Amino acid sequence: MKRKAEQPKETDLRMSCDAVRQIRQHARASSKAEVCGVLIGTEDVSVTFVQASIPGSNAVQGGSHVTFTQDTWEHIYRIKDRDYPEARIVGWYHSHPGFGVFLSDHDTFIHKNFFSAPRQVAWVYDPHSDEEGCFGWIGEKLERLSRIVLVDYKGGEGAGETGKPEPPLLGGDDSDADSRTELGSSPSEARAMLNIGVTFLSYLFTLVLGFLVCWYFFPRLIPVLVDSRTGQIMYSLPNEYDGIQRGADAGNLNNQNKPANPASPPASPTPTPHSSKGKL
């Protein structure tokens, strides 16, 4: 009787909450180009423990690919030997800004050639949608892991463990997954509102600054009185103009006090001339 071949088991991954935060912060710092790094931890017979992550400095970045360079590896091993001398590299991570969680042909090439150990994993994070997932070896195939446990190594218990396929955000039961999905969308909305507010304030500041520059550096039109004879600015009315104006005002006042149709005075009798000569 033939024995059935045992089905290959996927890697049991225990991920540090600090490592997840480090990966998210690194990916969000570059919203247009991919970033990469390595996962630091330990391996057991069937379990991979991820303790921390090391960013891949000086990597060749592109909109849809990233490549580890010699300078990148030198930086990674220098940080590892200094901060995590007892740990080892148990996988790698990279971002997919805006195009989901999967492994491209280029990603698969990197994993097969640099992270080919049975328990090494590949973490992928999309900073636009906050979706994340992990891939590992199941037999000879590189597939997405269905179960991930988040652990607080500084104290606490696992953040969630489930045998169900992994949701867009890591979690436990369906209710937790729904709530975390809603929370995952809030940072994007907050960033959008923040961008709108910053844009409005920048336009308002530019408008106010332009007004002040025009006010202080450009000439302003101020109406003034100029003497037609001398061409000088008149700070007060001349005396003769003042006298003429007062006379005109007095005449207007007298004209207003006169009756509209005054009666004609009676004609005075005209004296009759008498002759001074005597009678003949």
Protein backbone atom coordinates (compact mmCIF):
# COMPACT_ATOMS: atom_id res chain seq x y z
CA MET A 1 0.00 0.00 0.00
CA LYS A 2 1.41 3.30 -1.08
CA ARG A 3 1.70 6.10 1.42
CA LYS A 4 0.32 9.44 0.38
CA ALA A 5 2.90 12.09 -0.08
CA GLU A 6 2.77 14.67 2.67
CA GLN A 7 1.50 18.05 1.62
CA PRO A 8 4.16 20.74 2.02
CA LYS A 9 3.41 23.12 4.87
CA GLU A 10 3.69 26.84 4.62
CA THR A 11 5.95 28.86 6.86
CA ASP A 12 4.53 29.79 10.25
CA LEU A 13 5.45 33.47 10.47
CA ARG A 14 5.67 35.44 13.73
CA MET A 15 6.09 39.13 12.89
CA SER A 16 7.17 41.81 15.34
CA CYS A 17 4.87 44.85 15.54
CA ASP A 18 7.95 47.08 15.59
CA ALA A 19 9.18 45.53 12.33
CA VAL A 20 5.81 46.18 10.67
CA ARG A 21 5.88 49.83 11.78
CA GLN A 22 9.42 50.25 10.47
CA ILE A 23 8.46 48.84 7.07
CA ARG A 24 5.41 51.10 6.80
CA GLN A 25 7.37 54.22 7.73
CA HIS A 26 10.08 53.43 5.20
CA ALA A 27 7.57 52.78 2.40
CA ARG A 28 5.49 55.89 3.14
CA ALA A 29 8.60 58.04 2.83
CA SER A 30 8.71 57.19 -0.90
CA SER A 31 5.23 57.32 -2.44
CA LYS A 32 6.39 57.07 -6.09
CA ALA A 33 9.36 54.69 -6.07
CA GLU A 34 9.84 51.26 -4.54
CA VAL A 35 11.99 50.80 -1.45
CA CYS A 36 13.49 47.64 0.00
CA GLY A 37 15.18 46.19 3.04
CA VAL A 38 15.77 42.94 4.91
CA LEU A 39 13.99 41.19 7.78
CA ILE A 40 16.06 40.30 10.84
CA GLY A 41 15.17 37.48 13.21
CA THR A 42 15.56 33.77 13.84
CA GLU A 43 14.35 30.50 12.32
CA ASP A 44 13.04 27.34 13.92
CA VAL A 45 12.11 24.03 12.37
CA SER A 46 8.73 25.33 11.21
CA VAL A 47 8.56 28.91 12.47
CA THR A 48 10.17 32.14 11.27
CA PHE A 49 10.48 34.91 13.85
CA VAL A 50 10.93 38.46 12.49
CA GLN A 51 12.37 40.78 15.11
CA ALA A 52 13.22 43.93 13.15
CA SER A 53 13.95 45.32 9.70
CA ILE A 54 16.92 47.13 8.16
CA PRO A 55 16.26 49.62 5.31
CA GLY A 56 18.19 49.02 2.10
CA SER A 57 20.09 52.27 1.59
CA ASN A 58 21.63 53.06 -1.83
CA ALA A 59 19.32 50.58 -3.60
CA VAL A 60 18.46 51.12 -7.26
CA GLN A 61 14.89 52.40 -7.07
CA GLY A 62 12.28 52.62 -9.80
CA GLY A 63 8.56 53.12 -10.12
CA SER A 64 7.93 49.37 -10.42
CA HIS A 65 11.17 47.68 -9.36
CA VAL A 66 13.99 47.84 -6.82
CA THR A 67 17.43 46.22 -6.79
CA PHE A 68 19.90 45.50 -3.99
CA THR A 69 23.34 46.88 -4.82
CA GLN A 70 26.75 46.15 -3.33
CA ASP A 71 26.54 49.34 -1.27
CA THR A 72 23.12 48.22 -0.05
CA TRP A 73 24.46 44.90 1.22
CA GLU A 74 27.42 46.55 2.91
CA HIS A 75 25.08 48.91 4.74
CA ILE A 76 22.75 46.05 5.76
CA TYR A 77 25.54 43.85 7.19
CA ARG A 78 27.13 46.79 8.99
CA ILE A 79 23.83 47.55 10.79
CA LYS A 80 23.13 43.88 11.45
CA ASP A 81 26.55 43.17 12.99
CA ARG A 82 26.27 46.26 15.16
CA ASP A 83 22.64 46.03 16.36
CA TYR A 84 21.63 42.37 15.86
CA PRO A 85 24.80 40.26 16.13
CA GLU A 86 22.94 37.11 17.25
CA ALA A 87 20.17 37.32 14.63
CA ARG A 88 20.17 36.45 10.96
CA ILE A 89 18.51 37.60 7.76
CA VAL A 90 15.20 35.71 7.50
CA GLY A 91 13.72 37.50 4.50
CA TRP A 92 13.25 40.83 2.80
CA TYR A 93 10.60 43.46 2.17
CA HIS A 94 9.78 45.98 -0.51
CA SER A 95 6.97 48.38 -1.39
CA HIS A 96 4.50 48.48 -4.27
CA PRO A 97 3.34 52.12 -4.31
CA GLY A 98 -0.13 52.09 -5.80
CA PHE A 99 -0.26 48.70 -7.54
CA GLY A 100 -1.19 46.14 -4.91
CA VAL A 101 0.41 43.19 -3.15
CA PHE A 102 1.99 40.50 -5.33
CA LEU A 103 5.43 39.31 -6.47
CA SER A 104 6.47 40.40 -9.94
CA ASP A 105 8.91 38.42 -12.09
CA HIS A 106 11.70 40.71 -10.89
CA ASP A 107 10.68 40.18 -7.25
CA THR A 108 10.58 36.41 -7.74
CA PHE A 109 14.07 36.51 -9.27
CA ILE A 110 15.43 38.37 -6.23
CA HIS A 111 13.81 35.94 -3.79
CA LYS A 112 15.02 32.83 -5.60
CA ASN A 113 18.60 34.08 -5.88
CA PHE A 114 19.12 35.92 -2.57
CA PHE A 115 16.49 34.50 -0.17
CA SER A 116 16.13 30.89 -1.24
CA ALA A 117 16.22 29.28 2.23
CA PRO A 118 13.03 27.30 3.02
CA ARG A 119 11.95 29.64 5.85
CA GLN A 120 12.87 32.97 4.29
CA VAL A 121 9.91 35.20 3.43
CA ALA A 122 9.10 38.28 1.31
CA TRP A 123 6.95 41.05 2.78
CA VAL A 124 5.13 43.42 0.37
CA TYR A 125 3.43 46.67 1.39
CA ASP A 126 1.42 49.18 -0.67
CA PRO A 127 1.64 52.62 1.03
CA HIS A 128 -1.23 54.01 -1.06
CA SER A 129 -3.86 51.49 0.02
CA ASP A 130 -2.18 50.25 3.25
CA GLU A 131 -2.50 46.68 1.96
CA GLU A 132 0.25 44.29 2.97
CA GLY A 133 1.03 40.61 2.72
CA CYS A 134 3.80 38.05 2.98
CA PHE A 135 5.06 35.34 0.61
CA GLY A 136 7.03 32.23 1.44
CA TRP A 137 8.08 28.84 0.16
CA ILE A 138 5.43 26.11 0.14
CA GLY A 139 7.36 23.17 -1.22
CA GLU A 140 9.01 24.49 -4.36
CA LYS A 141 6.43 27.20 -4.96
CA LEU A 142 6.55 30.77 -3.76
CA GLU A 143 3.04 31.61 -2.56
CA ARG A 144 1.26 34.07 -0.32
CA LEU A 145 1.04 32.98 3.30
CA SER A 146 -2.47 32.50 4.67
CA ARG A 147 -1.57 32.96 8.34
CA ILE A 148 0.57 35.58 10.04
CA VAL A 149 0.88 36.30 13.75
CA LEU A 150 1.81 39.80 14.92
CA VAL A 151 3.70 39.78 18.20
CA ASP A 152 4.81 42.54 20.53
CA TYR A 153 8.23 41.31 21.62
CA LYS A 154 8.49 44.12 24.17
CA GLY A 155 5.61 42.64 26.11
CA GLY A 156 2.11 41.52 25.32
CA GLU A 157 0.45 38.79 23.35
CA GLY A 158 -0.15 38.00 19.73
CA ALA A 159 -2.12 40.56 17.78
CA GLY A 160 -4.07 37.91 15.92
CA GLU A 161 -3.92 34.36 14.66
CA THR A 162 -6.31 32.78 12.20
CA GLY A 163 -6.42 29.86 9.85
CA LYS A 164 -8.40 31.81 7.27
CA PRO A 165 -6.88 33.39 4.14
CA GLU A 166 -5.16 36.65 4.94
CA PRO A 167 -7.36 39.76 4.60
CA PRO A 168 -6.02 43.02 3.10
CA LEU A 169 -5.00 44.10 6.61
CA LEU A 170 -3.70 41.59 9.10
CA GLY A 171 -6.16 40.65 11.80
CA GLY A 172 -8.20 38.00 13.56
CA ASP A 173 -11.90 37.40 12.98
CA ASP A 174 -14.11 39.00 10.33
CA SER A 175 -15.33 41.83 12.57
CA ASP A 176 -11.74 42.84 13.38
CA ALA A 177 -10.87 42.69 9.70
CA ASP A 178 -13.75 45.02 8.80
CA SER A 179 -12.84 47.53 11.51
CA ARG A 180 -9.17 47.49 10.53
CA THR A 181 -10.07 47.94 6.89
CA GLU A 182 -11.98 51.08 7.80
CA LEU A 183 -9.09 52.29 9.93
CA GLY A 184 -6.70 51.55 7.11
CA SER A 185 -8.50 54.00 4.84
CA SER A 186 -8.51 56.84 7.38
CA PRO A 187 -4.82 57.77 7.01
CA SER A 188 -5.33 58.33 3.28
CA GLU A 189 -8.35 60.55 3.92
CA ALA A 190 -6.44 62.44 6.61
CA ARG A 191 -3.51 62.99 4.26
CA ALA A 192 -5.89 64.23 1.54
CA MET A 193 -7.51 66.73 3.91
CA LEU A 194 -4.09 67.83 5.11
CA ASN A 195 -2.94 68.41 1.52
CA ILE A 196 -6.05 70.49 0.80
CA GLY A 197 -5.49 72.59 3.92
CA VAL A 198 -1.80 73.14 3.15
CA THR A 199 -2.62 74.12 -0.44
CA PHE A 200 -5.26 76.63 0.69
CA LEU A 201 -2.94 78.20 3.25
CA SER A 202 -0.11 78.45 0.71
CA TYR A 203 -2.37 80.28 -1.76
CA LEU A 204 -3.61 82.59 0.98
CA PHE A 205 -0.06 83.34 2.12
CA THR A 206 1.02 84.07 -1.47
CA LEU A 207 -1.92 86.46 -1.94
CA VAL A 208 -1.17 88.36 1.28
CA LEU A 209 2.53 88.53 0.50
CA GLY A 210 1.85 89.88 -3.00
CA PHE A 211 -0.46 92.56 -1.57
CA LEU A 212 2.18 93.69 0.93
CA VAL A 213 4.89 93.83 -1.75
CA CYS A 214 2.68 95.94 -4.00
CA TRP A 215 1.79 98.23 -1.09
CA TYR A 216 5.37 98.94 -0.03
CA PHE A 217 7.32 98.85 -3.30
CA PHE A 218 4.96 100.23 -5.95
CA PRO A 219 3.79 103.90 -6.18
CA ARG A 220 0.31 104.75 -4.95
CA LEU A 221 -1.93 107.50 -6.44
CA ILE A 222 -2.86 110.19 -3.87
CA PRO A 223 -4.92 113.20 -5.11
CA VAL A 224 -3.43 116.60 -4.10
CA LEU A 225 -4.11 120.29 -4.90
CA VAL A 226 -1.48 122.03 -7.05
CA ASP A 227 -1.11 125.78 -7.49
CA SER A 228 -1.52 126.54 -11.19
CA ARG A 229 0.80 129.54 -11.00
CA THR A 230 3.73 128.01 -9.12
CA GLY A 231 3.18 124.30 -9.75
CA GLN A 232 3.66 123.53 -6.03
CA ILE A 233 1.47 121.40 -3.79
CA MET A 234 -1.12 123.44 -1.89
CA TYR A 235 -1.27 122.30 1.72
CA SER A 236 -3.98 124.95 2.48
CA LEU A 237 -6.22 127.29 0.49
CA PRO A 238 -4.62 130.72 -0.37
CA ASN A 239 -5.95 133.86 1.40
CA GLU A 240 -7.28 135.52 -1.73
CA TYR A 241 -9.16 132.38 -2.69
CA ASP A 242 -10.53 132.26 0.84
CA GLY A 243 -11.72 135.90 0.65
CA ILE A 244 -13.29 135.40 -2.74
CA GLN A 245 -15.02 132.31 -1.50
CA ARG A 246 -16.37 134.08 1.60
CA GLY A 247 -17.65 136.99 -0.59
CA ALA A 248 -19.34 134.59 -2.92
CA ASP A 249 -20.95 132.84 0.00
CA ALA A 250 -22.21 136.18 1.43
CA GLY A 251 -23.66 137.18 -1.95
CA ASN A 252 -25.44 133.90 -2.26
CA LEU A 253 -26.88 134.43 1.24
CA ASN A 254 -28.20 137.95 0.37
CA ASN A 255 -29.75 136.68 -2.82
CA GLN A 256 -31.51 134.00 -0.89
CA ASN A 257 -32.98 136.58 1.62
CA LYS A 258 -34.49 138.85 -1.13
CA PRO A 259 -38.17 138.31 -2.01
CA ALA A 260 -38.85 136.47 -5.18
CA ASN A 261 -41.05 139.34 -6.84
CA PRO A 262 -40.42 142.66 -5.01
CA ALA A 263 -43.06 145.45 -5.47
CA SER A 264 -42.00 148.53 -7.50
CA PRO A 265 -41.68 151.69 -5.36
CA PRO A 266 -44.05 154.58 -6.22
CA ALA A 267 -42.65 157.09 -8.66
CA SER A 268 -41.62 160.35 -7.08
CA PRO A 269 -43.21 163.54 -8.56
CA THR A 270 -41.05 165.34 -11.03
CA PRO A 271 -40.53 168.98 -10.00
CA THR A 272 -41.86 171.59 -12.50
CA PRO A 273 -39.28 174.26 -13.39
CA HIS A 274 -40.41 177.90 -12.74
CA SER A 275 -39.16 180.86 -14.70
CA SER A 276 -37.38 183.58 -12.74
CA LYS A 277 -38.25 186.32 -15.25
CA GLY A 278 -40.80 189.06 -14.28
CA LYS A 279 -43.96 189.76 -16.14
CA LEU A 280 -43.95 192.45 -18.78
